[in-house]
Protein backbone atom coordinates (compact mmCIF):
# COMPACT_ATOMS: atom_id res chain seq x y z
CA MET A 1 -67.58 41.70 71.42
CA SER A 2 -65.98 38.55 72.81
CA ASP A 3 -69.27 36.63 72.78
CA ASP A 4 -69.96 37.42 69.12
CA PRO A 5 -68.54 34.82 66.68
CA SER A 6 -67.88 37.60 64.16
CA TRP A 7 -65.24 39.13 66.44
CA THR A 8 -62.66 36.76 64.96
CA GLN A 9 -62.46 39.02 61.89
CA VAL A 10 -61.35 41.91 64.11
CA VAL A 11 -58.54 39.79 65.54
CA LYS A 12 -57.29 38.97 62.05
CA ALA A 13 -57.43 42.64 61.07
CA VAL A 14 -55.29 43.86 63.96
CA GLU A 15 -52.67 41.04 63.81
CA PRO A 16 -51.54 40.94 60.17
CA GLU A 17 -47.88 40.56 61.15
CA GLN A 18 -48.37 37.25 63.02
CA PRO A 19 -46.64 34.40 61.12
CA GLN A 20 -48.98 31.79 59.64
CA LEU A 21 -48.64 28.02 59.83
CA LYS A 22 -46.92 26.28 56.92
CA ARG A 23 -49.16 24.25 54.55
CA VAL A 24 -47.32 20.99 53.89
CA LEU A 25 -50.01 18.28 54.09
CA GLY A 26 -51.17 16.94 50.73
CA PRO A 27 -53.61 14.03 50.22
CA GLY A 28 -51.04 11.27 50.85
CA LEU A 29 -49.56 12.78 53.99
CA LEU A 30 -53.00 13.62 55.36
CA LEU A 31 -54.18 10.03 54.80
CA LEU A 32 -51.12 8.62 56.58
CA PHE A 33 -51.62 11.14 59.39
CA ILE A 34 -55.21 9.97 59.90
CA VAL A 35 -54.42 6.25 59.63
CA GLY A 36 -51.41 6.62 61.91
CA ASP A 37 -53.45 8.48 64.50
CA ILE A 38 -56.22 5.87 64.58
CA LEU A 39 -53.90 2.86 64.63
CA GLY A 40 -51.73 2.61 67.70
CA THR A 41 -51.98 1.85 71.39
CA GLY A 42 -55.62 0.70 71.30
CA ILE A 43 -55.46 -2.29 68.98
CA TYR A 44 -52.18 -3.52 70.47
CA ALA A 45 -53.68 -3.76 73.96
CA LEU A 46 -57.49 -3.71 73.85
CA THR A 47 -58.37 -6.84 71.87
CA GLY A 48 -58.24 -9.11 74.91
CA GLN A 49 -60.23 -6.70 77.08
CA VAL A 50 -62.93 -6.35 74.42
CA ALA A 51 -63.09 -10.16 74.19
CA ALA A 52 -63.52 -10.27 77.96
CA GLU A 53 -66.85 -8.43 77.52
CA VAL A 54 -68.34 -10.25 74.51
CA GLY A 55 -66.28 -13.40 74.03
CA GLY A 56 -65.30 -14.46 70.52
CA ALA A 57 -67.45 -11.78 68.89
CA ALA A 58 -64.72 -9.25 69.66
CA TRP A 59 -64.87 -8.00 66.09
CA LEU A 60 -68.45 -6.71 66.59
CA PRO A 61 -67.61 -3.88 69.05
CA PHE A 62 -64.83 -2.67 66.74
CA LEU A 63 -67.28 -2.65 63.84
CA LEU A 64 -69.89 -0.77 65.89
CA ALA A 65 -67.27 1.72 67.07
CA PHE A 66 -66.33 2.29 63.43
CA ALA A 67 -69.98 2.99 62.57
CA VAL A 68 -70.34 5.55 65.37
CA ALA A 69 -67.03 7.18 64.42
CA THR A 70 -67.98 7.36 60.73
CA VAL A 71 -71.31 9.08 61.43
CA THR A 72 -69.51 11.68 63.54
CA ALA A 73 -66.76 12.01 60.92
CA PHE A 74 -69.38 13.27 58.45
CA SER A 75 -70.18 16.10 60.85
CA TYR A 76 -66.50 16.93 61.24
CA LEU A 77 -66.13 16.97 57.45
CA GLU A 78 -68.86 19.56 57.01
CA LEU A 79 -67.31 21.74 59.70
CA VAL A 80 -63.66 21.48 58.68
CA THR A 81 -64.43 22.22 55.03
CA LYS A 82 -66.70 25.08 56.08
CA TYR A 83 -64.18 26.49 58.59
CA PRO A 84 -60.69 25.27 57.54
CA GLN A 85 -58.92 26.58 60.63
CA ALA A 86 -57.06 25.06 63.56
CA ALA A 87 -58.83 24.32 66.88
CA GLY A 88 -61.44 21.79 65.68
CA ALA A 89 -64.39 21.11 67.99
CA ALA A 90 -63.63 24.08 70.25
CA LEU A 91 -63.69 26.49 67.30
CA TYR A 92 -66.96 25.04 65.98
CA THR A 93 -68.53 25.27 69.44
CA HIS A 94 -67.49 28.90 69.75
CA LYS A 95 -68.87 29.81 66.35
CA ALA A 96 -72.15 28.05 67.08
CA PHE A 97 -72.86 29.28 70.62
CA GLY A 98 -70.43 32.14 71.30
CA ILE A 99 -70.20 31.23 74.99
CA HIS A 100 -66.60 31.43 76.15
CA PHE A 101 -67.06 29.14 79.14
CA PHE A 102 -68.61 26.39 77.03
CA THR A 103 -65.91 26.81 74.39
CA PHE A 104 -63.19 26.67 77.01
CA ILE A 105 -64.53 23.45 78.52
CA VAL A 106 -64.75 21.76 75.10
CA CYS A 107 -61.24 22.94 74.27
CA PHE A 108 -59.94 21.70 77.61
CA ILE A 109 -61.60 18.29 77.27
CA VAL A 110 -60.20 17.69 73.78
CA MET A 111 -56.74 18.92 74.74
CA THR A 112 -56.70 16.82 77.91
CA SER A 113 -57.82 13.70 76.06
CA GLY A 114 -54.93 14.12 73.64
CA ILE A 115 -52.37 14.73 76.35
CA THR A 116 -53.68 11.84 78.45
CA SER A 117 -53.46 9.53 75.45
CA ALA A 118 -49.94 10.73 74.65
CA SER A 119 -48.84 10.34 78.27
CA THR A 120 -50.17 6.79 78.40
CA ALA A 121 -48.46 6.01 75.09
CA SER A 122 -45.19 7.44 76.42
CA ARG A 123 -45.33 5.18 79.44
CA ALA A 124 -46.13 2.22 77.19
CA PHE A 125 -43.13 3.15 75.05
CA ALA A 126 -40.91 3.03 78.12
CA ALA A 127 -42.32 -0.34 79.21
CA ASN A 128 -41.76 -1.84 75.75
CA LEU A 129 -38.22 -0.46 75.63
CA LEU A 130 -37.40 -2.19 78.91
CA VAL A 131 -38.73 -5.49 77.55
CA ALA A 132 -36.98 -5.09 74.19
CA PHE A 133 -33.55 -4.55 75.75
CA GLY A 134 -34.01 -6.80 78.77
CA ILE A 135 -33.72 -3.98 81.30
CA PRO A 136 -35.14 -4.77 84.76
CA ASP A 137 -38.48 -3.06 85.27
CA ALA A 138 -38.54 -0.32 87.90
CA THR A 139 -40.99 2.50 88.51
CA VAL A 140 -38.38 5.27 88.46
CA THR A 141 -36.61 3.87 85.39
CA THR A 142 -39.88 3.62 83.45
CA MET A 143 -40.84 7.16 84.43
CA LEU A 144 -37.48 8.64 83.41
CA ILE A 145 -37.56 6.90 80.02
CA ALA A 146 -41.11 8.12 79.45
CA LEU A 147 -40.17 11.68 80.39
CA ALA A 148 -37.15 11.57 78.07
CA PHE A 149 -39.39 10.28 75.31
CA ILE A 150 -41.95 13.08 75.69
CA LEU A 151 -39.05 15.55 75.59
CA LEU A 152 -37.92 14.03 72.30
CA ILE A 153 -41.47 14.34 70.93
CA MET A 154 -41.46 18.00 71.98
CA LEU A 155 -38.20 18.66 70.12
CA VAL A 156 -39.51 17.00 66.95
CA ASN A 157 -42.69 19.05 67.21
CA LEU A 158 -40.69 22.25 67.67
CA ARG A 159 -38.49 21.40 64.71
CA GLY A 160 -41.35 21.79 62.27
CA VAL A 161 -44.54 20.24 60.95
CA SER A 162 -42.70 18.82 57.92
CA GLU A 163 -40.35 16.84 60.16
CA SER A 164 -43.19 15.81 62.46
CA VAL A 165 -45.38 14.60 59.60
CA TRP A 166 -42.58 12.67 57.89
CA LEU A 167 -41.71 11.00 61.18
CA ASN A 168 -45.39 10.15 61.45
CA VAL A 169 -45.17 8.53 57.99
CA VAL A 170 -42.29 6.29 59.11
CA LEU A 171 -43.96 5.35 62.39
CA THR A 172 -47.29 4.68 60.66
CA LEU A 173 -45.67 2.31 58.17
CA VAL A 174 -43.93 0.44 60.99
CA GLU A 175 -47.05 0.03 63.12
CA LEU A 176 -49.06 -0.91 60.04
CA SER A 177 -46.48 -3.57 59.17
CA GLY A 178 -46.83 -5.03 62.68
CA LEU A 179 -50.60 -5.41 62.31
CA LEU A 180 -50.25 -6.82 58.80
CA LEU A 181 -47.70 -9.29 60.16
CA VAL A 182 -50.24 -10.52 62.71
CA ILE A 183 -52.92 -10.81 60.00
CA LEU A 184 -50.68 -12.63 57.48
CA ILE A 185 -49.26 -15.11 59.99
CA GLY A 186 -52.76 -15.69 61.33
CA MET A 187 -54.20 -16.26 57.85
CA TRP A 188 -51.37 -18.70 57.09
CA ALA A 189 -52.26 -20.69 60.20
CA ILE A 190 -55.97 -20.50 59.41
CA ALA A 191 -55.33 -21.81 55.89
CA GLY A 192 -53.47 -24.74 57.48
CA GLY A 193 -56.55 -25.68 59.48
CA ASN A 194 -55.34 -24.38 62.85
CA ALA A 195 -58.31 -22.09 63.47
CA ASP A 196 -61.48 -22.69 65.42
CA TRP A 197 -64.13 -20.65 63.62
CA SER A 198 -66.78 -21.52 66.17
CA ARG A 199 -65.09 -19.12 68.60
CA VAL A 200 -65.53 -16.20 66.19
CA VAL A 201 -69.32 -16.33 66.56
CA ALA A 202 -69.36 -17.43 70.21
CA PHE A 203 -71.00 -14.67 72.24
CA GLU A 204 -70.12 -14.74 75.94
CA THR A 205 -70.99 -12.09 78.52
CA HIS A 206 -70.52 -11.55 82.22
CA GLU A 207 -73.25 -13.08 84.36
CA ASP A 208 -74.32 -9.66 85.62
CA LYS A 209 -74.68 -8.14 82.15
CA GLY A 210 -77.26 -8.61 79.45
CA VAL A 211 -76.30 -8.84 75.79
CA LEU A 212 -77.08 -5.19 75.00
CA LEU A 213 -75.14 -3.83 77.99
CA ALA A 214 -72.17 -6.12 77.28
CA VAL A 215 -72.01 -4.97 73.66
CA SER A 216 -72.32 -1.34 74.76
CA THR A 217 -69.49 -1.74 77.29
CA ALA A 218 -67.24 -3.42 74.73
CA THR A 219 -68.08 -0.78 72.09
CA SER A 220 -67.32 2.02 74.54
CA LEU A 221 -63.91 0.44 75.14
CA ALA A 222 -63.27 -0.35 71.47
CA PHE A 223 -64.10 3.26 70.56
CA PHE A 224 -60.75 4.28 72.03
CA ALA A 225 -59.11 2.36 69.20
CA MET A 226 -61.13 4.34 66.60
CA VAL A 227 -60.48 7.86 67.87
CA GLY A 228 -57.85 9.92 66.13
CA PHE A 229 -59.63 10.97 62.96
CA GLU A 230 -60.81 14.11 64.77
CA ASP A 231 -57.21 15.17 65.45
CA SER A 232 -56.67 15.82 61.76
CA VAL A 233 -59.06 18.79 61.70
CA ASN A 234 -56.63 20.64 63.97
CA MET A 235 -54.12 20.45 61.09
CA ALA A 236 -56.47 22.27 58.69
CA GLU A 237 -54.26 25.38 58.50
CA GLU A 238 -51.30 23.18 57.55
CA THR A 239 -53.22 21.26 54.83
CA LYS A 240 -53.20 22.15 51.16
CA ASP A 241 -56.73 22.85 49.88
CA PRO A 242 -58.44 21.30 52.95
CA SER A 243 -62.00 21.80 51.67
CA ARG A 244 -61.25 19.52 48.71
CA ILE A 245 -59.10 16.72 50.11
CA PHE A 246 -60.41 16.25 53.67
CA PRO A 247 -63.60 14.27 52.83
CA LYS A 248 -61.89 11.53 50.79
CA MET A 249 -58.88 11.22 53.08
CA MET A 250 -60.79 11.11 56.38
CA LEU A 251 -63.32 8.53 55.20
CA SER A 252 -60.57 6.47 53.53
CA GLY A 253 -58.50 6.53 56.72
CA LEU A 254 -61.44 5.37 58.83
CA GLY A 255 -62.21 2.59 56.37
CA ILE A 256 -58.62 1.32 56.29
CA ALA A 257 -58.42 1.28 60.10
CA ALA A 258 -61.77 -0.53 60.42
CA VAL A 259 -60.77 -3.27 57.97
CA ILE A 260 -57.47 -3.84 59.80
CA TYR A 261 -59.14 -3.91 63.22
CA VAL A 262 -61.82 -6.40 62.17
CA LEU A 263 -59.26 -8.69 60.49
CA VAL A 264 -56.95 -8.56 63.52
CA SER A 265 -59.75 -9.29 66.00
CA ILE A 266 -61.16 -12.17 63.92
CA THR A 267 -57.69 -13.66 63.44
CA VAL A 268 -56.80 -13.44 67.12
CA VAL A 269 -60.09 -14.96 68.31
CA ALA A 270 -59.94 -17.79 65.75
CA LEU A 271 -56.45 -18.81 66.88
CA VAL A 272 -56.54 -18.35 70.67
CA PRO A 273 -59.05 -19.74 73.18
CA ILE A 274 -61.03 -16.93 74.78
CA GLY A 275 -59.78 -17.77 78.28
CA ASP A 276 -56.14 -17.44 77.21
CA LEU A 277 -56.88 -14.27 75.24
CA VAL A 278 -58.64 -12.53 78.11
CA GLY A 279 -55.78 -13.27 80.49
CA SER A 280 -53.07 -12.05 78.11
CA GLU A 281 -51.63 -8.55 78.35
CA THR A 282 -50.17 -9.00 74.86
CA PRO A 283 -53.00 -10.60 72.86
CA LEU A 284 -51.33 -10.11 69.48
CA VAL A 285 -48.16 -11.84 70.66
CA THR A 286 -50.29 -14.69 72.04
CA ALA A 287 -52.07 -15.07 68.70
CA VAL A 288 -48.86 -15.19 66.65
CA GLU A 289 -47.29 -17.66 69.09
CA ALA A 290 -50.32 -19.92 68.57
CA ALA A 291 -50.14 -19.53 64.78
CA ALA A 292 -46.36 -19.92 64.37
CA PRO A 293 -44.67 -21.21 67.55
CA GLY A 294 -41.17 -20.83 66.09
CA PHE A 295 -41.60 -17.21 65.02
CA PRO A 296 -39.49 -14.82 67.14
CA ILE A 297 -42.44 -12.54 67.86
CA ASN A 298 -41.42 -11.96 71.48
CA ASP A 299 -38.22 -10.33 70.26
CA LEU A 300 -39.79 -8.39 67.39
CA LEU A 301 -43.17 -7.13 68.63
CA PRO A 302 -41.87 -4.99 71.53
CA PHE A 303 -39.94 -2.90 68.99
CA ILE A 304 -42.97 -2.64 66.69
CA SER A 305 -45.11 -1.69 69.68
CA MET A 306 -42.60 1.02 70.58
CA PHE A 307 -43.06 2.59 67.15
CA ALA A 308 -46.84 2.24 67.36
CA VAL A 309 -47.21 3.99 70.70
CA ALA A 310 -44.59 6.57 69.68
CA ASN A 311 -46.79 7.51 66.76
CA THR A 312 -49.78 7.87 69.08
CA ALA A 313 -47.80 10.21 71.33
CA LEU A 314 -46.43 12.29 68.44
CA ILE A 315 -49.78 12.88 66.75
CA ASN A 316 -51.65 13.60 69.98
CA MET A 317 -49.05 16.14 71.06
CA MET A 318 -49.23 17.78 67.63
CA MET A 319 -53.02 17.94 67.95
CA ALA A 320 -52.97 19.37 71.48
CA SER A 321 -50.51 22.12 70.62
CA ARG A 322 -52.42 23.13 67.47
CA LEU A 323 -55.64 23.19 69.46
CA LEU A 324 -54.22 25.57 72.03
CA TYR A 325 -52.67 27.69 69.27
CA GLY A 326 -55.96 27.95 67.40
CA MET A 327 -58.01 28.90 70.46
CA SER A 328 -55.40 31.41 71.54
CA ARG A 329 -55.73 33.10 68.15
CA GLN A 330 -59.50 33.19 68.82
CA GLN A 331 -58.82 34.90 72.20
CA VAL A 332 -60.42 32.11 74.21
CA LEU A 333 -57.08 31.20 75.79
CA PRO A 334 -54.21 33.55 76.81
CA PRO A 335 -52.48 35.20 73.82
CA PHE A 336 -49.00 33.84 74.59
CA LEU A 337 -50.18 30.36 73.54
CA GLY A 338 -50.65 31.67 69.99
CA LYS A 339 -46.98 32.56 69.50
CA VAL A 340 -45.45 31.14 66.30
CA ALA A 341 -41.72 30.78 65.66
CA PRO A 342 -40.94 33.04 62.66
CA LYS A 343 -38.30 30.70 61.25
CA ARG A 344 -39.75 27.23 61.88
CA GLN A 345 -43.41 28.38 61.68
CA THR A 346 -44.44 26.17 64.59
CA PRO A 347 -46.59 27.15 67.62
CA TRP A 348 -43.71 26.97 70.07
CA ALA A 349 -45.50 28.34 73.16
CA ALA A 350 -48.37 25.85 72.86
CA ILE A 351 -45.90 23.00 72.29
CA LEU A 352 -43.96 23.84 75.46
CA PHE A 353 -47.17 24.18 77.50
CA THR A 354 -48.70 20.87 76.39
CA SER A 355 -45.38 19.06 76.86
CA ALA A 356 -45.18 20.31 80.44
CA LEU A 357 -48.69 18.99 81.12
CA ALA A 358 -47.81 15.64 79.57
CA ALA A 359 -44.70 15.36 81.74
CA GLY A 360 -46.83 15.90 84.85
CA LEU A 361 -49.29 13.21 83.79
CA ILE A 362 -46.47 10.77 83.03
CA ALA A 363 -45.05 11.25 86.52
CA TYR A 364 -48.48 10.72 88.09
CA VAL A 365 -49.30 7.58 86.08
CA SER A 366 -45.84 6.08 86.63
CA LEU A 367 -46.15 6.38 90.40
CA ASP A 368 -49.43 4.41 90.39
CA ALA A 369 -49.00 1.53 87.97
CA GLU A 370 -51.63 -0.79 89.46
CA GLY A 371 -54.50 -1.92 87.26
CA SER A 372 -54.91 -1.59 83.53
CA ILE A 373 -53.80 1.93 82.61
CA VAL A 374 -54.84 1.48 78.99
CA ALA A 375 -58.34 0.35 79.95
CA LEU A 376 -58.88 3.10 82.52
CA LEU A 377 -57.30 6.06 80.71
CA GLY A 378 -58.34 4.74 77.30
CA GLY A 379 -61.94 4.42 78.50
CA THR A 380 -61.78 7.89 80.01
CA THR A 381 -60.41 9.28 76.76
CA SER A 382 -63.28 7.75 74.78
CA LEU A 383 -65.76 9.02 77.40
CA LEU A 384 -64.50 12.58 77.05
CA LEU A 385 -64.33 12.47 73.26
CA LEU A 386 -67.77 10.89 72.88
CA THR A 387 -69.15 13.82 74.88
CA VAL A 388 -67.40 16.23 72.54
CA PHE A 389 -68.61 14.27 69.50
CA ALA A 390 -72.21 14.62 70.69
CA ILE A 391 -71.69 18.39 70.92
CA VAL A 392 -70.09 18.50 67.45
CA ASN A 393 -73.06 16.68 65.93
CA VAL A 394 -75.42 19.28 67.42
CA THR A 395 -73.09 22.11 66.34
CA VAL A 396 -73.38 21.09 62.69
CA LEU A 397 -77.11 21.72 62.74
CA VAL A 398 -76.77 25.03 64.59
CA LEU A 399 -74.15 26.35 62.14
CA ARG A 400 -76.39 25.63 59.16
CA ARG A 401 -77.79 29.09 59.93
CA GLN A 402 -74.36 30.65 59.23
CA PRO A 403 -73.55 30.24 55.50
CA VAL A 404 -70.04 30.83 54.14
CA ASP A 405 -68.90 32.19 50.77
CA HIS A 406 -67.16 29.02 49.53
CA LYS A 407 -68.21 25.48 48.64
CA HIS A 408 -67.93 22.88 51.37
CA PHE A 409 -68.95 19.33 52.24
CA ARG A 410 -72.53 18.93 53.52
CA THR A 411 -73.61 15.88 55.47
CA PRO A 412 -77.20 14.55 55.31
CA THR A 413 -79.20 16.08 58.17
CA ALA A 414 -80.14 12.69 59.63
CA LEU A 415 -76.51 11.71 60.32
CA PRO A 416 -75.73 14.40 62.95
CA VAL A 417 -78.96 13.47 64.75
CA ILE A 418 -78.02 9.79 64.76
CA GLY A 419 -74.47 10.67 65.77
CA ALA A 420 -75.55 12.77 68.76
CA ILE A 421 -77.90 10.05 70.04
CA THR A 422 -75.40 7.18 69.69
CA CYS A 423 -72.56 9.17 71.26
CA LEU A 424 -74.67 10.08 74.28
CA TYR A 425 -75.79 6.46 74.55
CA LEU A 426 -72.16 5.41 74.95
CA VAL A 427 -71.53 8.17 77.52
CA PHE A 428 -74.22 7.58 80.13
CA PRO A 429 -73.27 5.01 82.82
CA TRP A 430 -76.59 3.13 82.75
CA THR A 431 -76.31 2.47 79.00
CA SER A 432 -72.55 2.18 78.44
CA GLY A 433 -71.66 -0.02 81.42
CA ARG A 434 -68.50 2.00 82.10
CA PRO A 435 -66.70 1.57 85.44
CA ALA A 436 -67.01 4.38 87.97
CA GLY A 437 -63.27 5.12 87.77
CA GLN A 438 -63.63 6.60 84.30
CA TYR A 439 -66.25 9.08 85.47
CA ALA A 440 -64.15 9.98 88.51
CA ILE A 441 -61.18 10.89 86.30
CA ALA A 442 -63.40 12.81 83.88
CA ILE A 443 -65.00 14.84 86.68
CA ALA A 444 -61.57 15.62 88.16
CA LEU A 445 -60.35 16.86 84.77
CA LEU A 446 -63.44 19.03 84.33
CA ALA A 447 -62.87 20.48 87.81
CA ILE A 448 -59.34 21.44 86.79
CA GLY A 449 -60.75 23.08 83.68
CA VAL A 450 -63.23 25.13 85.73
CA VAL A 451 -60.45 26.29 88.06
CA LEU A 452 -58.32 27.37 85.10
CA TRP A 453 -61.29 29.20 83.58
CA ILE A 454 -61.90 31.14 86.80
CA ALA A 455 -58.21 31.96 87.11
CA GLU A 456 -58.08 33.22 83.51
CA ARG A 457 -61.17 35.41 83.98
CA VAL A 458 -59.83 36.90 87.22
CA TYR A 459 -56.50 37.64 85.55
CA THR A 460 -58.17 39.26 82.54
CA SER A 461 -60.50 41.33 84.70
CA THR A 462 -57.64 42.53 86.91
CA ARG A 463 -55.55 43.50 83.91
CA ARG A 464 -58.50 45.39 82.37
CA ARG A 465 -59.09 47.37 85.58
CA ARG A 466 -55.42 48.28 85.77
CA GLY A 467 -55.52 49.40 82.16
CA ASP A 468 -58.57 51.55 82.80
CA ALA A 469 -56.86 53.12 85.81
CA ASP A 470 -53.71 53.89 83.81
CA THR A 471 -55.73 55.56 81.02
CA GLY A 472 -58.19 57.33 83.29
CA GLY A 473 -57.07 60.71 82.01
CA SER A 474 -57.64 59.92 78.36
CA SER A 475 -59.77 62.30 76.36
CA GLY A 476 -63.38 61.53 75.62
CA ALA A 477 -62.52 61.61 71.94
CA GLY A 478 -60.07 58.78 72.47
CA ALA A 479 -62.69 56.73 74.30
CA GLN A 480 -65.15 57.37 71.50
CA ALA A 481 -62.56 56.25 68.97
CA ASN A 482 -61.99 53.04 70.89
CA GLY A 483 -65.72 52.43 71.08
CA SER A 484 -66.02 52.96 67.35
CA THR A 485 -63.25 50.47 66.68
CA SER A 486 -64.89 47.88 68.94
CA ALA A 487 -68.20 48.31 67.20
CA GLU A 488 -66.57 47.70 63.88
């Protein structure tokens, strides 16, 4: 029964008393959730690194990443409106193929990417807090602040989805204001004749890379800044009328983020020489300093950056917990992860579990702060998610054979095909130009997932054998009754 996608109806029939998630997301809140999830750590740190790959044409990789994300978003829209349930890509994979191991791996990859992103954002929050308040930087201090921050995120998440979403609204508005500030100050300087437009179209690559490989590498990196729209599908059970509002809100959110990213990248490149931009760890601060030397951006931007990365951590932890909750309800993960607090209507067990994993990652990252954490973990996150996106694009076509009894969004057949091909193109090392470190981390994470899968299967098998031994004296009629129930 467990390998048959229809078994989910049996689960619902035998668990009618389980509390359901609270539907609080309307169109406006959903749009802010999507925009807030896309905007964040990526754009505040990646602009200079993207420019290092392609020179002044840094806006091009962001635009290409938007195109790839949009094609895949159409596949997600068909699936989330067809199956408006939590768990996202893992749920769709299970319905399409019914293979628990495959479903588990997809679930684990998506969950890990969210937790890794949130852990990186938490550490960035701690680093910005130290700068904002002039506290001497120290490894232990940064780690403790990051751990305290992830604990605060956990408490907000436990409090309720309403509180989490409204906090997301505030944080989204703050991080959006920071990006708009960069754009407006930059445009003011450009209008005053302080821009060099020749840099915007200047294409520069490493000597060992051709144009196509350089663009692919930069797009693979820029894609980290576009991910986030897929997190929203894990909030389907907390969205009002998801089949109706998801298409407009997801596509609108992607469009808003793309416009902001392109404007920011063009503004920054026009104002700052490429050499200075590539060497800057805070490219947006560098751009505003060039545009308005007297503007106190060094005092203001660390606080704005704190809000931006806080929003990234909040939304990713919300996504990860809902993903585990949804797959637990589908009996792919242990049942305790599907527990819902009767009063607050939040998946408390999944929240505690994902927060514990995030705390472990924060400790690990904080103890090894060499190199660009955003580039390495951000690139690994996009690598993992692009793999999942390729699977989702294939899943859409497979699930066309399983109609549902309600109207839903339907994407043109050509788009999932294009999406699968482009996502895989940005995954393979010989086409994406990714560093080996990203693949090493991804393989290690997959190894952890396989170990957990084996442990879960051994535990389930042992428990089943013990149950059979305890009921060995049951009557044949009882066994027949159980068999009849399973068949149903």
